[in-house]
């Protein structure tokens, strides 16, 4: 009788451990998906502002450059 009880306890322990591990893994994957979704939404809300800033920086960079490349740069100063 005791051998059957120990065997049943061992089987029940393994089954409960497997169920717990499955539940925790599903929960962690859902948490990871939620975190990615939150990060994507926060980045998506700022994309227009970042795009406008990068466009301004690019235009400003080209505006500050001389119109001709280095050998002919003297012609722009004449």
Protein backbone atom coordinates (compact mmCIF):
# COMPACT_ATOMS: atom_id res chain seq x y z
CA UNK A 1 0.00 0.00 0.00
CA UNK A 2 2.79 2.44 0.82
CA UNK A 3 4.59 1.76 -2.45
CA UNK A 4 1.46 2.66 -4.42
CA UNK A 5 1.03 5.81 -2.34
CA UNK A 6 4.62 6.92 -2.95
CA UNK A 7 4.26 6.19 -6.65
CA UNK A 8 0.99 8.17 -6.83
CA UNK A 9 2.60 11.06 -4.95
CA UNK A 10 5.56 11.07 -7.32
CA UNK A 11 3.30 11.02 -10.37
CA UNK A 12 1.06 13.77 -8.94
CA UNK A 13 4.11 15.87 -8.15
CA UNK A 14 5.45 15.52 -11.68
CA UNK A 15 2.05 16.34 -13.22
CA UNK A 16 1.56 19.39 -11.01
CA UNK A 17 5.10 20.58 -11.72
CA UNK A 18 4.57 20.22 -15.47
CA UNK A 19 1.25 22.09 -15.26
CA UNK A 20 2.88 24.83 -13.20
CA UNK A 21 5.78 25.19 -15.64
CA UNK A 22 3.39 25.36 -18.60
CA UNK A 23 1.24 27.98 -16.86
CA UNK A 24 4.25 30.10 -15.90
CA UNK A 25 5.73 29.94 -19.41
CA UNK A 26 2.44 31.02 -21.00
CA UNK A 27 2.14 33.82 -18.46
CA UNK A 28 5.69 35.04 -19.13
CA UNK A 29 5.18 34.96 -22.90
CA UNK A 30 2.00 37.02 -22.50
CA UNK A 31 3.88 39.48 -20.30
CA UNK A 32 6.64 39.77 -22.90
CA UNK A 33 4.09 40.41 -25.66
CA UNK A 34 2.43 43.10 -23.53
CA UNK A 35 5.78 44.79 -22.89
CA UNK A 36 6.64 44.77 -26.61
CA UNK A 37 3.21 46.17 -27.42
CA UNK A 38 3.61 48.99 -24.90
CA UNK A 39 7.09 49.83 -26.21
CA UNK A 40 5.86 49.81 -29.81
CA UNK A 41 2.94 52.10 -28.94
CA UNK A 42 5.15 54.57 -27.10
CA UNK A 43 7.67 54.65 -29.95
CA UNK A 44 4.91 54.88 -32.56
CA UNK A 45 3.44 57.94 -30.87
CA UNK A 46 6.74 59.81 -31.22
CA UNK A 47 7.68 58.79 -34.77
CA UNK A 48 6.33 61.95 -36.40
CA UNK A 49 8.26 64.17 -34.00
CA UNK A 50 11.48 62.20 -34.51
CA UNK A 51 11.03 62.21 -38.29
CA UNK A 52 10.53 65.99 -38.31
CA UNK A 53 13.59 66.53 -36.13
CA UNK A 54 15.77 64.28 -38.31
CA UNK A 55 14.52 66.03 -41.44
CA UNK A 56 15.33 69.43 -39.92
CA UNK A 57 18.80 68.22 -38.92
CA UNK A 58 19.47 66.91 -42.45
CA UNK A 59 18.29 70.13 -44.09
CA UNK A 60 20.33 72.18 -41.63
CA UNK A 61 23.42 70.05 -42.34
CA UNK A 62 23.15 70.58 -46.08
CA UNK A 63 22.30 74.27 -45.66
CA UNK A 64 25.52 74.86 -43.69
CA UNK A 65 27.70 73.16 -46.30
CA UNK A 66 29.30 75.13 -49.12
CA UNK A 67 27.57 74.72 -52.49
CA UNK A 68 30.69 73.45 -54.29
CA UNK A 69 33.10 70.67 -53.43
CA UNK A 70 36.61 71.50 -52.11
CA UNK A 71 38.66 72.25 -55.22
CA UNK A 72 36.08 74.78 -56.42
CA UNK A 73 35.22 76.22 -53.03
CA UNK A 74 37.36 79.30 -53.78
CA UNK A 75 34.92 80.25 -56.55
CA UNK A 76 32.13 80.67 -54.01
CA UNK A 77 34.23 83.12 -51.98
CA UNK A 78 35.05 85.35 -54.94
